[in-house]
Amino acid sequence: MAAKTVQLQSSPRAPAEARDLLKRLGVDSAARDPYAVLLAVSELVTNAVRHEGTSERIEVSYLHMPGLIRIEVHPAGRLPTAPMDAWPRPDVADGRGLGIVAAVSSRSGTRAGTRGPVAWCEFETA
C-alpha cells in the first residue's frame, strides 16, 4: 500500500492538523490503540516544529500495511539525528517527546532522509 503524505506548515497548529489527518485517514479504526498513535504523531510533529521554527514545512507520512501502521515525520533538516537514550532530569522542562513516542509505539527511531533526519514510529493494528 502506498504511503499517504501531507505537507504541513511548521506552526503551533501543526500537531493538531497531523492528528486530524490521521483521524480522516481512518487510524481510529485501524490501530490497536488509536490514542497512542495520535499521541505519537503529536509528539513527533511538535518536536519537528520546535526544532524547525515556523518558516519551514513538515511532511507527515502514514502507511497502513497488514498488521502495521507506520508514521514518518520529515522536517526540513534540523531535528536531532540520534534517538534519545535517557530521560532528562526532572527539573528540565522539555526533552521527553521521543521517549514518549518510544513508550507508546511498537518501534520508533530516526533515519536519514533526503532533507534531513526522519523520525518514525510503528504500531500494530487491530
PDB file of N, CA and C in Angstrom:
ATOM      1  N   MET A   1       0.845  -1.181   0.000  1.00  0.00           N
ATOM      2  CA  MET A   1       0.000   0.000   0.000  1.00  0.00           C
ATOM      3  C   MET A   1       0.883   1.234   0.000  1.00  0.00           C
ATOM      4  N   ALA A   2       0.535   2.240  -0.779  1.00  0.00           N
ATOM      5  CA  ALA A   2       1.317   3.467  -0.866  1.00  0.00           C
ATOM      6  C   ALA A   2       1.085   4.345   0.359  1.00  0.00           C
ATOM      7  N   ALA A   3       2.115   5.065   0.721  1.00  0.00           N
ATOM      8  CA  ALA A   3       2.009   5.988   1.856  1.00  0.00           C
ATOM      9  C   ALA A   3       1.127   7.169   1.470  1.00  0.00           C
ATOM     10  N   LYS A   4       0.380   7.646   2.442  1.00  0.00           N
ATOM     11  CA  LYS A   4      -0.388   8.874   2.275  1.00  0.00           C
ATOM     12  C   LYS A   4       0.404   9.965   2.967  1.00  0.00           C
ATOM     13  N   THR A   5       0.636  11.062   2.262  1.00  0.00           N
ATOM     14  CA  THR A   5       1.520  12.099   2.767  1.00  0.00           C
ATOM     15  C   THR A   5       0.847  13.452   2.659  1.00  0.00           C
ATOM     16  N   VAL A   6       1.109  14.298   3.659  1.00  0.00           N
ATOM     17  CA  VAL A   6       0.597  15.666   3.650  1.00  0.00           C
ATOM     18  C   VAL A   6       1.718  16.602   4.085  1.00  0.00           C
ATOM     19  N   GLN A   7       1.711  17.791   3.512  1.00  0.00           N
ATOM     20  CA  GLN A   7       2.644  18.848   3.899  1.00  0.00           C
ATOM     21  C   GLN A   7       1.929  19.771   4.877  1.00  0.00           C
ATOM     22  N   LEU A   8       2.584  20.063   5.992  1.00  0.00           N
ATOM     23  CA  LEU A   8       2.035  20.982   6.985  1.00  0.00           C
ATOM     24  C   LEU A   8       2.992  22.152   7.166  1.00  0.00           C
ATOM     25  N   GLN A   9       2.433  23.324   7.378  1.00  0.00           N
ATOM     26  CA  GLN A   9       3.269  24.459   7.756  1.00  0.00           C
ATOM     27  C   GLN A   9       3.769  24.220   9.167  1.00  0.00           C
ATOM     28  N   SER A  10       5.059  24.426   9.386  1.00  0.00           N
ATOM     29  CA  SER A  10       5.613  24.276  10.732  1.00  0.00           C
ATOM     30  C   SER A  10       5.085  25.422  11.585  1.00  0.00           C
ATOM     31  N   SER A  11       4.095  25.102  12.418  1.00  0.00           N
ATOM     32  CA  SER A  11       3.442  26.114  13.251  1.00  0.00           C
ATOM     33  C   SER A  11       2.891  25.434  14.494  1.00  0.00           C
ATOM     34  N   PRO A  12       2.482  26.204  15.481  1.00  0.00           N
ATOM     35  CA  PRO A  12       1.873  25.595  16.671  1.00  0.00           C
ATOM     36  C   PRO A  12       0.617  24.778  16.358  1.00  0.00           C
ATOM     37  N   ARG A  13      -0.036  25.017  15.206  1.00  0.00           N
ATOM     38  CA  ARG A  13      -1.233  24.262  14.818  1.00  0.00           C
ATOM     39  C   ARG A  13      -0.907  22.920  14.185  1.00  0.00           C
ATOM     40  N   ALA A  14       0.336  22.713  13.781  1.00  0.00           N
ATOM     41  CA  ALA A  14       0.710  21.506  13.033  1.00  0.00           C
ATOM     42  C   ALA A  14       0.407  20.205  13.767  1.00  0.00           C
ATOM     43  N   PRO A  15       0.673  20.079  15.078  1.00  0.00           N
ATOM     44  CA  PRO A  15       0.332  18.818  15.747  1.00  0.00           C
ATOM     45  C   PRO A  15      -1.161  18.475  15.663  1.00  0.00           C
ATOM     46  N   ALA A  16      -2.015  19.457  15.870  1.00  0.00           N
ATOM     47  CA  ALA A  16      -3.464  19.215  15.767  1.00  0.00           C
ATOM     48  C   ALA A  16      -3.850  18.863  14.334  1.00  0.00           C
ATOM     49  N   GLU A  17      -3.242  19.526  13.362  1.00  0.00           N
ATOM     50  CA  GLU A  17      -3.531  19.212  11.957  1.00  0.00           C
ATOM     51  C   GLU A  17      -3.100  17.784  11.624  1.00  0.00           C
ATOM     52  N   ALA A  18      -1.965  17.343  12.157  1.00  0.00           N
ATOM     53  CA  ALA A  18      -1.499  15.973  11.922  1.00  0.00           C
ATOM     54  C   ALA A  18      -2.453  14.962  12.560  1.00  0.00           C
ATOM     55  N   ARG A  19      -2.908  15.243  13.779  1.00  0.00           N
ATOM     56  CA  ARG A  19      -3.883  14.344  14.418  1.00  0.00           C
ATOM     57  C   ARG A  19      -5.166  14.264  13.598  1.00  0.00           C
ATOM     58  N   ASP A  20      -5.652  15.409  13.131  1.00  0.00           N
ATOM     59  CA  ASP A  20      -6.865  15.432  12.315  1.00  0.00           C
ATOM     60  C   ASP A  20      -6.674  14.634  11.029  1.00  0.00           C
ATOM     61  N   LEU A  21      -5.507  14.750  10.418  1.00  0.00           N
ATOM     62  CA  LEU A  21      -5.208  13.992   9.200  1.00  0.00           C
ATOM     63  C   LEU A  21      -5.330  12.493   9.460  1.00  0.00           C
ATOM     64  N   LEU A  22      -4.716  12.018  10.542  1.00  0.00           N
ATOM     65  CA  LEU A  22      -4.758  10.588  10.832  1.00  0.00           C
ATOM     66  C   LEU A  22      -6.176  10.114  11.126  1.00  0.00           C
ATOM     67  N   LYS A  23      -6.967  10.955  11.784  1.00  0.00           N
ATOM     68  CA  LYS A  23      -8.368  10.594  12.019  1.00  0.00           C
ATOM     69  C   LYS A  23      -9.115  10.473  10.687  1.00  0.00           C
ATOM     70  N   ARG A  24      -8.885  11.424   9.781  1.00  0.00           N
ATOM     71  CA  ARG A  24      -9.554  11.384   8.467  1.00  0.00           C
ATOM     72  C   ARG A  24      -9.121  10.156   7.654  1.00  0.00           C
ATOM     73  N   LEU A  25      -7.884   9.712   7.838  1.00  0.00           N
ATOM     74  CA  LEU A  25      -7.378   8.555   7.100  1.00  0.00           C
ATOM     75  C   LEU A  25      -7.785   7.228   7.722  1.00  0.00           C
ATOM     76  N   GLY A  26      -8.459   7.267   8.868  1.00  0.00           N
ATOM     77  CA  GLY A  26      -9.005   6.065   9.457  1.00  0.00           C
ATOM     78  C   GLY A  26      -8.141   5.364  10.473  1.00  0.00           C
ATOM     79  N   VAL A  27      -7.176   6.061  11.035  1.00  0.00           N
ATOM     80  CA  VAL A  27      -6.327   5.422  12.040  1.00  0.00           C
ATOM     81  C   VAL A  27      -7.151   4.955  13.228  1.00  0.00           C
ATOM     82  N   ASP A  28      -8.250   5.633  13.503  1.00  0.00           N
ATOM     83  CA  ASP A  28      -9.109   5.260  14.629  1.00  0.00           C
ATOM     84  C   ASP A  28      -9.610   3.822  14.501  1.00  0.00           C
ATOM     85  N   SER A  29      -9.935   3.422  13.289  1.00  0.00           N
ATOM     86  CA  SER A  29     -10.469   2.071  13.095  1.00  0.00           C
ATOM     87  C   SER A  29      -9.374   1.040  12.844  1.00  0.00           C
ATOM     88  N   ALA A  30      -8.168   1.477  12.479  1.00  0.00           N
ATOM     89  CA  ALA A  30      -7.104   0.531  12.131  1.00  0.00           C
ATOM     90  C   ALA A  30      -6.175   0.196  13.296  1.00  0.00           C
ATOM     91  N   ALA A  31      -5.924   1.134  14.153  1.00  0.00           N
ATOM     92  CA  ALA A  31      -4.918   0.944  15.202  1.00  0.00           C
ATOM     93  C   ALA A  31      -5.476   0.169  16.384  1.00  0.00           C
ATOM     94  N   ARG A  32      -4.621  -0.623  16.979  1.00  0.00           N
ATOM     95  CA  ARG A  32      -4.991  -1.330  18.204  1.00  0.00           C
ATOM     96  C   ARG A  32      -5.245  -0.313  19.320  1.00  0.00           C
ATOM     97  N   ASP A  33      -4.441   0.739  19.367  1.00  0.00           N
ATOM     98  CA  ASP A  33      -4.608   1.811  20.354  1.00  0.00           C
ATOM     99  C   ASP A  33      -4.535   3.152  19.627  1.00  0.00           C
ATOM    100  N   PRO A  34      -5.680   3.634  19.124  1.00  0.00           N
ATOM    101  CA  PRO A  34      -5.663   4.873  18.339  1.00  0.00           C
ATOM    102  C   PRO A  34      -5.148   6.076  19.119  1.00  0.00           C
ATOM    103  N   TYR A  35      -5.360   6.109  20.425  1.00  0.00           N
ATOM    104  CA  TYR A  35      -4.885   7.243  21.213  1.00  0.00           C
ATOM    105  C   TYR A  35      -3.360   7.273  21.266  1.00  0.00           C
ATOM    106  N   ALA A  36      -2.726   6.121  21.296  1.00  0.00           N
ATOM    107  CA  ALA A  36      -1.265   6.066  21.277  1.00  0.00           C
ATOM    108  C   ALA A  36      -0.723   6.594  19.953  1.00  0.00           C
ATOM    109  N   VAL A  37      -1.391   6.257  18.858  1.00  0.00           N
ATOM    110  CA  VAL A  37      -0.965   6.750  17.544  1.00  0.00           C
ATOM    111  C   VAL A  37      -1.089   8.267  17.492  1.00  0.00           C
ATOM    112  N   LEU A  38      -2.213   8.786  17.961  1.00  0.00           N
ATOM    113  CA  LEU A  38      -2.429  10.235  17.938  1.00  0.00           C
ATOM    114  C   LEU A  38      -1.443  10.960  18.848  1.00  0.00           C
ATOM    115  N   LEU A  39      -1.140  10.380  20.015  1.00  0.00           N
ATOM    116  CA  LEU A  39      -0.145  10.964  20.909  1.00  0.00           C
ATOM    117  C   LEU A  39       1.226  10.978  20.243  1.00  0.00           C
ATOM    118  N   ALA A  40       1.598   9.868  19.619  1.00  0.00           N
ATOM    119  CA  ALA A  40       2.918   9.782  18.993  1.00  0.00           C
ATOM    120  C   ALA A  40       3.074  10.783  17.854  1.00  0.00           C
ATOM    121  N   VAL A  41       2.080  10.882  16.972  1.00  0.00           N
ATOM    122  CA  VAL A  41       2.210  11.832  15.865  1.00  0.00           C
ATOM    123  C   VAL A  41       2.256  13.254  16.401  1.00  0.00           C
ATOM    124  N   SER A  42       1.501  13.522  17.446  1.00  0.00           N
ATOM    125  CA  SER A  42       1.533  14.848  18.060  1.00  0.00           C
ATOM    126  C   SER A  42       2.928  15.165  18.600  1.00  0.00           C
ATOM    127  N   GLU A  43       3.559  14.210  19.271  1.00  0.00           N
ATOM    128  CA  GLU A  43       4.904  14.417  19.814  1.00  0.00           C
ATOM    129  C   GLU A  43       5.932  14.589  18.707  1.00  0.00           C
ATOM    130  N   LEU A  44       5.863  13.768  17.652  1.00  0.00           N
ATOM    131  CA  LEU A  44       6.838  13.881  16.563  1.00  0.00           C
ATOM    132  C   LEU A  44       6.706  15.207  15.824  1.00  0.00           C
ATOM    133  N   VAL A  45       5.477  15.630  15.573  1.00  0.00           N
ATOM    134  CA  VAL A  45       5.280  16.905  14.872  1.00  0.00           C
ATOM    135  C   VAL A  45       5.660  18.071  15.779  1.00  0.00           C
ATOM    136  N   THR A  46       5.321  17.991  17.057  1.00  0.00           N
ATOM    137  CA  THR A  46       5.727  19.043  17.996  1.00  0.00           C
ATOM    138  C   THR A  46       7.241  19.169  18.024  1.00  0.00           C
ATOM    139  N   ASN A  47       7.935  18.040  18.036  1.00  0.00           N
ATOM    140  CA  ASN A  47       9.393  18.043  18.022  1.00  0.00           C
ATOM    141  C   ASN A  47       9.919  18.716  16.749  1.00  0.00           C
ATOM    142  N   ALA A  48       9.317  18.386  15.616  1.00  0.00           N
ATOM    143  CA  ALA A  48       9.735  18.998  14.358  1.00  0.00           C
ATOM    144  C   ALA A  48       9.504  20.506  14.373  1.00  0.00           C
ATOM    145  N   VAL A  49       8.343  20.939  14.844  1.00  0.00           N
ATOM    146  CA  VAL A  49       8.043  22.372  14.920  1.00  0.00           C
ATOM    147  C   VAL A  49       9.038  23.069  15.840  1.00  0.00           C
ATOM    148  N   ARG A  50       9.306  22.457  16.961  1.00  0.00           N
ATOM    149  CA  ARG A  50      10.229  23.066  17.937  1.00  0.00           C
ATOM    150  C   ARG A  50      11.619  23.264  17.344  1.00  0.00           C
ATOM    151  N   HIS A  51      12.086  22.291  16.571  1.00  0.00           N
ATOM    152  CA  HIS A  51      13.431  22.376  16.006  1.00  0.00           C
ATOM    153  C   HIS A  51      13.470  23.116  14.677  1.00  0.00           C
ATOM    154  N   GLU A  52      12.366  23.152  13.950  1.00  0.00           N
ATOM    155  CA  GLU A  52      12.317  23.799  12.653  1.00  0.00           C
ATOM    156  C   GLU A  52      11.989  25.286  12.743  1.00  0.00           C
ATOM    157  N   GLY A  53      11.252  25.670  13.749  1.00  0.00           N
ATOM    158  CA  GLY A  53      10.720  27.024  13.747  1.00  0.00           C
ATOM    159  C   GLY A  53       9.472  27.058  12.880  1.00  0.00           C
ATOM    160  N   THR A  54       8.986  28.235  12.572  1.00  0.00           N
ATOM    161  CA  THR A  54       7.724  28.346  11.837  1.00  0.00           C
ATOM    162  C   THR A  54       7.900  28.775  10.393  1.00  0.00           C
ATOM    163  N   SER A  55       9.104  28.724   9.857  1.00  0.00           N
ATOM    164  CA  SER A  55       9.310  29.154   8.477  1.00  0.00           C
ATOM    165  C   SER A  55       9.409  27.981   7.512  1.00  0.00           C
ATOM    166  N   GLU A  56       9.318  26.761   7.988  1.00  0.00           N
ATOM    167  CA  GLU A  56       9.506  25.579   7.149  1.00  0.00           C
ATOM    168  C   GLU A  56       8.223  24.775   7.034  1.00  0.00           C
ATOM    169  N   ARG A  57       8.260  23.769   6.155  1.00  0.00           N
ATOM    170  CA  ARG A  57       7.158  22.836   6.010  1.00  0.00           C
ATOM    171  C   ARG A  57       7.580  21.492   6.574  1.00  0.00           C
ATOM    172  N   ILE A  58       6.627  20.772   7.099  1.00  0.00           N
ATOM    173  CA  ILE A  58       6.841  19.446   7.656  1.00  0.00           C
ATOM    174  C   ILE A  58       5.995  18.477   6.842  1.00  0.00           C
ATOM    175  N   GLU A  59       6.560  17.331   6.524  1.00  0.00           N
ATOM    176  CA  GLU A  59       5.826  16.310   5.791  1.00  0.00           C
ATOM    177  C   GLU A  59       5.501  15.167   6.754  1.00  0.00           C
ATOM    178  N   VAL A  60       4.236  14.784   6.798  1.00  0.00           N
ATOM    179  CA  VAL A  60       3.796  13.669   7.634  1.00  0.00           C
ATOM    180  C   VAL A  60       3.301  12.568   6.706  1.00  0.00           C
ATOM    181  N   SER A  61       3.898  11.371   6.846  1.00  0.00           N
ATOM    182  CA  SER A  61       3.505  10.225   6.028  1.00  0.00           C
ATOM    183  C   SER A  61       2.882   9.162   6.916  1.00  0.00           C
ATOM    184  N   TYR A  62       1.852   8.516   6.380  1.00  0.00           N
ATOM    185  CA  TYR A  62       1.120   7.466   7.092  1.00  0.00           C
ATOM    186  C   TYR A  62       1.024   6.274   6.149  1.00  0.00           C
ATOM    187  N   LEU A  63       1.494   5.134   6.600  1.00  0.00           N
ATOM    188  CA  LEU A  63       1.446   3.917   5.798  1.00  0.00           C
ATOM    189  C   LEU A  63       0.757   2.826   6.606  1.00  0.00           C
ATOM    190  N   HIS A  64      -0.304   2.269   6.031  1.00  0.00           N
ATOM    191  CA  HIS A  64      -1.031   1.184   6.689  1.00  0.00           C
ATOM    192  C   HIS A  64      -0.818  -0.074   5.872  1.00  0.00           C
ATOM    193  N   MET A  65      -0.102  -1.031   6.451  1.00  0.00           N
ATOM    194  CA  MET A  65       0.145  -2.326   5.833  1.00  0.00           C
ATOM    195  C   MET A  65      -0.555  -3.376   6.690  1.00  0.00           C
ATOM    196  N   PRO A  66      -0.697  -4.592   6.203  1.00  0.00           N
ATOM    197  CA  PRO A  66      -1.307  -5.631   7.037  1.00  0.00           C
ATOM    198  C   PRO A  66      -0.548  -5.782   8.361  1.00  0.00           C
ATOM    199  N   GLY A  67      -1.259  -5.562   9.453  1.00  0.00           N
ATOM    200  CA  GLY A  67      -0.687  -5.724  10.782  1.00  0.00           C
ATOM    201  C   GLY A  67       0.134  -4.567  11.299  1.00  0.00           C
ATOM    202  N   LEU A  68       0.285  -3.499  10.510  1.00  0.00           N
ATOM    203  CA  LEU A  68       1.219  -2.436  10.887  1.00  0.00           C
ATOM    204  C   LEU A  68       0.784  -1.067  10.379  1.00  0.00           C
ATOM    205  N   ILE A  69       0.951  -0.076  11.221  1.00  0.00           N
ATOM    206  CA  ILE A  69       0.816   1.334  10.838  1.00  0.00           C
ATOM    207  C   ILE A  69       2.177   1.975  11.067  1.00  0.00           C
ATOM    208  N   ARG A  70       2.670   2.706  10.071  1.00  0.00           N
ATOM    209  CA  ARG A  70       3.939   3.418  10.203  1.00  0.00           C
ATOM    210  C   ARG A  70       3.696   4.899   9.936  1.00  0.00           C
ATOM    211  N   ILE A  71       4.237   5.726  10.820  1.00  0.00           N
ATOM    212  CA  ILE A  71       4.140   7.177  10.670  1.00  0.00           C
ATOM    213  C   ILE A  71       5.549   7.721  10.591  1.00  0.00           C
ATOM    214  N   GLU A  72       5.773   8.622   9.628  1.00  0.00           N
ATOM    215  CA  GLU A  72       7.066   9.286   9.494  1.00  0.00           C
ATOM    216  C   GLU A  72       6.840  10.788   9.459  1.00  0.00           C
ATOM    217  N   VAL A  73       7.734  11.519  10.107  1.00  0.00           N
ATOM    218  CA  VAL A  73       7.694  12.978  10.086  1.00  0.00           C
ATOM    219  C   VAL A  73       9.012  13.445   9.488  1.00  0.00           C
ATOM    220  N   HIS A  74       8.894  14.140   8.350  1.00  0.00           N
ATOM    221  CA  HIS A  74      10.045  14.614   7.588  1.00  0.00           C
ATOM    222  C   HIS A  74      10.155  16.131   7.753  1.00  0.00           C
ATOM    223  N   PRO A  75      11.064  16.603   8.562  1.00  0.00           N
ATOM    224  CA  PRO A  75      11.264  18.043   8.674  1.00  0.00           C
ATOM    225  C   PRO A  75      12.250  18.517   7.607  1.00  0.00           C
ATOM    226  N   ALA A  76      12.552  19.798   7.630  1.00  0.00           N
ATOM    227  CA  ALA A  76      13.490  20.362   6.659  1.00  0.00           C
ATOM    228  C   ALA A  76      14.941  20.081   7.007  1.00  0.00           C
ATOM    229  N   GLY A  77      15.223  19.515   8.169  1.00  0.00           N
ATOM    230  CA  GLY A  77      16.584  19.079   8.391  1.00  0.00           C
ATOM    231  C   GLY A  77      17.249  19.398   9.701  1.00  0.00           C
ATOM    232  N   ARG A  78      16.587  20.005  10.646  1.00  0.00           N
ATOM    233  CA  ARG A  78      17.270  20.364  11.877  1.00  0.00           C
ATOM    234  C   ARG A  78      16.884  19.520  13.082  1.00  0.00           C
ATOM    235  N   LEU A  79      16.179  18.424  12.881  1.00  0.00           N
ATOM    236  CA  LEU A  79      15.861  17.554  14.008  1.00  0.00           C
ATOM    237  C   LEU A  79      17.132  16.867  14.516  1.00  0.00           C
ATOM    238  N   PRO A  80      17.180  16.524  15.780  1.00  0.00           N
ATOM    239  CA  PRO A  80      18.320  15.751  16.275  1.00  0.00           C
ATOM    240  C   PRO A  80      18.438  14.450  15.487  1.00  0.00           C
ATOM    241  N   THR A  81      19.657  14.006  15.220  1.00  0.00           N
ATOM    242  CA  THR A  81      19.850  12.824  14.389  1.00  0.00           C
ATOM    243  C   THR A  81      19.866  11.537  15.190  1.00  0.00           C
ATOM    244  N   ALA A  82      19.998  11.606  16.485  1.00  0.00           N
ATOM    245  CA  ALA A  82      20.071  10.383  17.289  1.00  0.00           C
ATOM    246  C   ALA A  82      18.870  10.288  18.216  1.00  0.00           C
ATOM    247  N   PRO A  83      18.340   9.081  18.397  1.00  0.00           N
ATOM    248  CA  PRO A  83      17.240   8.938  19.347  1.00  0.00           C
ATOM    249  C   PRO A  83      17.714   9.224  20.763  1.00  0.00           C
ATOM    250  N   MET A  84      16.781   9.621  21.594  1.00  0.00           N
ATOM    251  CA  MET A  84      17.105   9.936  22.984  1.00  0.00           C
ATOM    252  C   MET A  84      17.409   8.657  23.750  1.00  0.00           C
ATOM    253  N   ASP A  85      18.516   8.642  24.481  1.00  0.00           N
ATOM    254  CA  ASP A  85      18.914   7.460  25.242  1.00  0.00           C
ATOM    255  C   ASP A  85      18.361   7.461  26.659  1.00  0.00           C
ATOM    256  N   ALA A  86      18.103   8.613  27.225  1.00  0.00           N
ATOM    257  CA  ALA A  86      17.668   8.686  28.618  1.00  0.00           C
ATOM    258  C   ALA A  86      16.725   9.866  28.792  1.00  0.00           C
ATOM    259  N   TRP A  87      15.897   9.759  29.808  1.00  0.00           N
ATOM    260  CA  TRP A  87      15.010  10.873  30.124  1.00  0.00           C
ATOM    261  C   TRP A  87      15.834  12.027  30.674  1.00  0.00           C
ATOM    262  N   PRO A  88      15.420  13.251  30.430  1.00  0.00           N
ATOM    263  CA  PRO A  88      16.121  14.385  31.024  1.00  0.00           C
ATOM    264  C   PRO A  88      15.875  14.440  32.533  1.00  0.00           C
ATOM    265  N   ARG A  89      16.669  15.238  33.196  1.00  0.00           N
ATOM    266  CA  ARG A  89      16.472  15.417  34.644  1.00  0.00           C
ATOM    267  C   ARG A  89      15.063  15.944  34.898  1.00  0.00           C
ATOM    268  N   PRO A  90      14.492  15.665  36.073  1.00  0.00           N
ATOM    269  CA  PRO A  90      13.126  16.107  36.379  1.00  0.00           C
ATOM    270  C   PRO A  90      12.948  17.620  36.329  1.00  0.00           C
ATOM    271  N   ASP A  91      14.007  18.397  36.563  1.00  0.00           N
ATOM    272  CA  ASP A  91      13.864  19.850  36.563  1.00  0.00           C
ATOM    273  C   ASP A  91      13.991  20.463  35.169  1.00  0.00           C
ATOM    274  N   VAL A  92      14.225  19.645  34.139  1.00  0.00           N
ATOM    275  CA  VAL A  92      14.307  20.133  32.765  1.00  0.00           C
ATOM    276  C   VAL A  92      12.910  20.090  32.158  1.00  0.00           C
ATOM    277  N   ALA A  93      12.499  21.188  31.530  1.00  0.00           N
ATOM    278  CA  ALA A  93      11.120  21.319  31.072  1.00  0.00           C
ATOM    279  C   ALA A  93      10.802  20.536  29.798  1.00  0.00           C
ATOM    280  N   ASP A  94      11.779  20.200  28.988  1.00  0.00           N
ATOM    281  CA  ASP A  94      11.478  19.520  27.721  1.00  0.00           C
ATOM    282  C   ASP A  94      12.425  18.346  27.503  1.00  0.00           C
ATOM    283  N   GLY A  95      12.359  17.728  26.336  1.00  0.00           N
ATOM    284  CA  GLY A  95      13.239  16.628  26.018  1.00  0.00           C
ATOM    285  C   GLY A  95      12.641  15.248  26.218  1.00  0.00           C
ATOM    286  N   ARG A  96      11.318  15.170  26.381  1.00  0.00           N
ATOM    287  CA  ARG A  96      10.689  13.882  26.654  1.00  0.00           C
ATOM    288  C   ARG A  96       9.916  13.304  25.465  1.00  0.00           C
ATOM    289  N   GLY A  97       9.765  14.071  24.395  1.00  0.00           N
ATOM    290  CA  GLY A  97       8.911  13.664  23.274  1.00  0.00           C
ATOM    291  C   GLY A  97       9.282  12.341  22.640  1.00  0.00           C
ATOM    292  N   LEU A  98      10.547  12.145  22.276  1.00  0.00           N
ATOM    293  CA  LEU A  98      10.945  10.890  21.642  1.00  0.00           C
ATOM    294  C   LEU A  98      10.840   9.721  22.611  1.00  0.00           C
ATOM    295  N   GLY A  99      11.053   9.975  23.886  1.00  0.00           N
ATOM    296  CA  GLY A  99      10.869   8.925  24.891  1.00  0.00           C
ATOM    297  C   GLY A  99       9.419   8.518  25.020  1.00  0.00           C
ATOM    298  N   ILE A 100       8.515   9.480  24.945  1.00  0.00           N
ATOM    299  CA  ILE A 100       7.082   9.181  24.980  1.00  0.00           C
ATOM    300  C   ILE A 100       6.700   8.348  23.759  1.00  0.00           C
ATOM    301  N   VAL A 101       7.199   8.754  22.583  1.00  0.00           N
ATOM    302  CA  VAL A 101       6.911   8.001  21.357  1.00  0.00           C
ATOM    303  C   VAL A 101       7.412   6.565  21.488  1.00  0.00           C
ATOM    304  N   ALA A 102       8.619   6.390  21.997  1.00  0.00           N
ATOM    305  CA  ALA A 102       9.177   5.047  22.179  1.00  0.00           C
ATOM    306  C   ALA A 102       8.323   4.228  23.151  1.00  0.00           C
ATOM    307  N   ALA A 103       7.784   4.871  24.173  1.00  0.00           N
ATOM    308  CA  ALA A 103       6.999   4.161  25.185  1.00  0.00           C
ATOM    309  C   ALA A 103       5.637   3.710  24.665  1.00  0.00           C
ATOM    310  N   VAL A 104       5.018   4.472  23.768  1.00  0.00           N
ATOM    311  CA  VAL A 104       3.663   4.141  23.334  1.00  0.00           C
ATOM    312  C   VAL A 104       3.608   3.391  22.008  1.00  0.00           C
ATOM    313  N   SER A 105       4.719   3.323  21.280  1.00  0.00           N
ATOM    314  CA  SER A 105       4.721   2.662  19.979  1.00  0.00           C
ATOM    315  C   SER A 105       5.362   1.275  20.065  1.00  0.00           C
ATOM    316  N   SER A 106       5.158   0.482  19.028  1.00  0.00           N
ATOM    317  CA  SER A 106       5.800  -0.833  18.957  1.00  0.00           C
ATOM    318  C   SER A 106       7.290  -0.688  18.669  1.00  0.00           C
ATOM    319  N   ARG A 107       7.616   0.239  17.794  1.00  0.00           N
ATOM    320  CA  ARG A 107       9.005   0.551  17.436  1.00  0.00           C
ATOM    321  C   ARG A 107       9.062   2.018  17.044  1.00  0.00           C
ATOM    322  N   SER A 108      10.234   2.638  17.235  1.00  0.00           N
ATOM    323  CA  SER A 108      10.407   4.022  16.804  1.00  0.00           C
ATOM    324  C   SER A 108      11.885   4.302  16.616  1.00  0.00           C
ATOM    325  N   GLY A 109      12.170   5.401  15.949  1.00  0.00           N
ATOM    326  CA  GLY A 109      13.560   5.780  15.749  1.00  0.00           C
ATOM    327  C   GLY A 109      13.693   6.940  14.800  1.00  0.00           C
ATOM    328  N   THR A 110      14.905   7.130  14.332  1.00  0.00           N
ATOM    329  CA  THR A 110      15.191   8.137  13.324  1.00  0.00           C
ATOM    330  C   THR A 110      15.999   7.473  12.219  1.00  0.00           C
ATOM    331  N   ARG A 111      15.932   8.066  11.030  1.00  0.00           N
ATOM    332  CA  ARG A 111      16.728   7.583   9.900  1.00  0.00           C
ATOM    333  C   ARG A 111      17.092   8.787   9.039  1.00  0.00           C
ATOM    334  N   ALA A 112      18.079   8.608   8.202  1.00  0.00           N
ATOM    335  CA  ALA A 112      18.472   9.675   7.282  1.00  0.00           C
ATOM    336  C   ALA A 112      17.414   9.789   6.190  1.00  0.00           C
ATOM    337  N   GLY A 113      17.030  11.016   5.885  1.00  0.00           N
ATOM    338  CA  GLY A 113      16.105  11.287   4.792  1.00  0.00           C
ATOM    339  C   GLY A 113      16.771  12.201   3.784  1.00  0.00           C
ATOM    340  N   THR A 114      16.099  12.495   2.701  1.00  0.00           N
ATOM    341  CA  THR A 114      16.689  13.354   1.674  1.00  0.00           C
ATOM    342  C   THR A 114      16.816  14.805   2.128  1.00  0.00           C
ATOM    343  N   ARG A 115      15.979  15.239   3.049  1.00  0.00           N
ATOM    344  CA  ARG A 115      16.034  16.618   3.550  1.00  0.00           C
ATOM    345  C   ARG A 115      16.539  16.703   4.977  1.00  0.00           C
ATOM    346  N   GLY A 116      17.030  15.602   5.510  1.00  0.00           N
ATOM    347  CA  GLY A 116      17.486  15.584   6.889  1.00  0.00           C
ATOM    348  C   GLY A 116      16.905  14.390   7.609  1.00  0.00           C
ATOM    349  N   PRO A 117      17.108  14.309   8.912  1.00  0.00           N
ATOM    350  CA  PRO A 117      16.637  13.146   9.662  1.00  0.00           C
ATOM    351  C   PRO A 117      15.111  13.034   9.664  1.00  0.00           C
ATOM    352  N   VAL A 118      14.652  11.808   9.632  1.00  0.00           N
ATOM    353  CA  VAL A 118      13.228  11.493   9.649  1.00  0.00           C
ATOM    354  C   VAL A 118      12.937  10.741  10.942  1.00  0.00           C
ATOM    355  N   ALA A 119      11.968  11.211  11.707  1.00  0.00           N
ATOM    356  CA  ALA A 119      11.520  10.500  12.908  1.00  0.00           C
ATOM    357  C   ALA A 119      10.350   9.620  12.512  1.00  0.00           C
ATOM    358  N   TRP A 120      10.329   8.399  13.013  1.00  0.00           N
ATOM    359  CA  TRP A 120       9.274   7.459  12.653  1.00  0.00           C
ATOM    360  C   TRP A 120       8.829   6.635  13.853  1.00  0.00           C
ATOM    361  N   CYS A 121       7.640   6.049  13.718  1.00  0.00           N
ATOM    362  CA  CYS A 121       7.147   5.115  14.731  1.00  0.00           C
ATOM    363  C   CYS A 121       6.189   4.148  14.052  1.00  0.00           C
ATOM    364  N   GLU A 122       6.062   2.977  14.661  1.00  0.00           N
ATOM    365  CA  GLU A 122       5.191   1.935  14.134  1.00  0.00           C
ATOM    366  C   GLU A 122       4.269   1.406  15.234  1.00  0.00           C
ATOM    367  N   PHE A 123       3.096   0.954  14.793  1.00  0.00           N
ATOM    368  CA  PHE A 123       2.080   0.424  15.694  1.00  0.00           C
ATOM    369  C   PHE A 123       1.458  -0.820  15.081  1.00  0.00           C
ATOM    370  N   GLU A 124       1.111  -1.774  15.933  1.00  0.00           N
ATOM    371  CA  GLU A 124       0.361  -2.934  15.470  1.00  0.00           C
ATOM    372  C   GLU A 124      -1.088  -2.535  15.251  1.00  0.00           C
ATOM    373  N   THR A 125      -1.705  -3.180  14.274  1.00  0.00           N
ATOM    374  CA  THR A 125      -3.099  -2.868  14.006  1.00  0.00           C
ATOM    375  C   THR A 125      -4.016  -3.863  14.719  1.00  0.00           C
ATOM    376  N   ALA A 126      -5.277  -3.499  14.758  1.00  0.00           N
ATOM    377  CA  ALA A 126      -6.273  -4.331  15.472  1.00  0.00           C
ATOM    378  C   ALA A 126      -6.529  -5.619  14.738  1.00  0.00           C
TER     379      ALA A 126
END
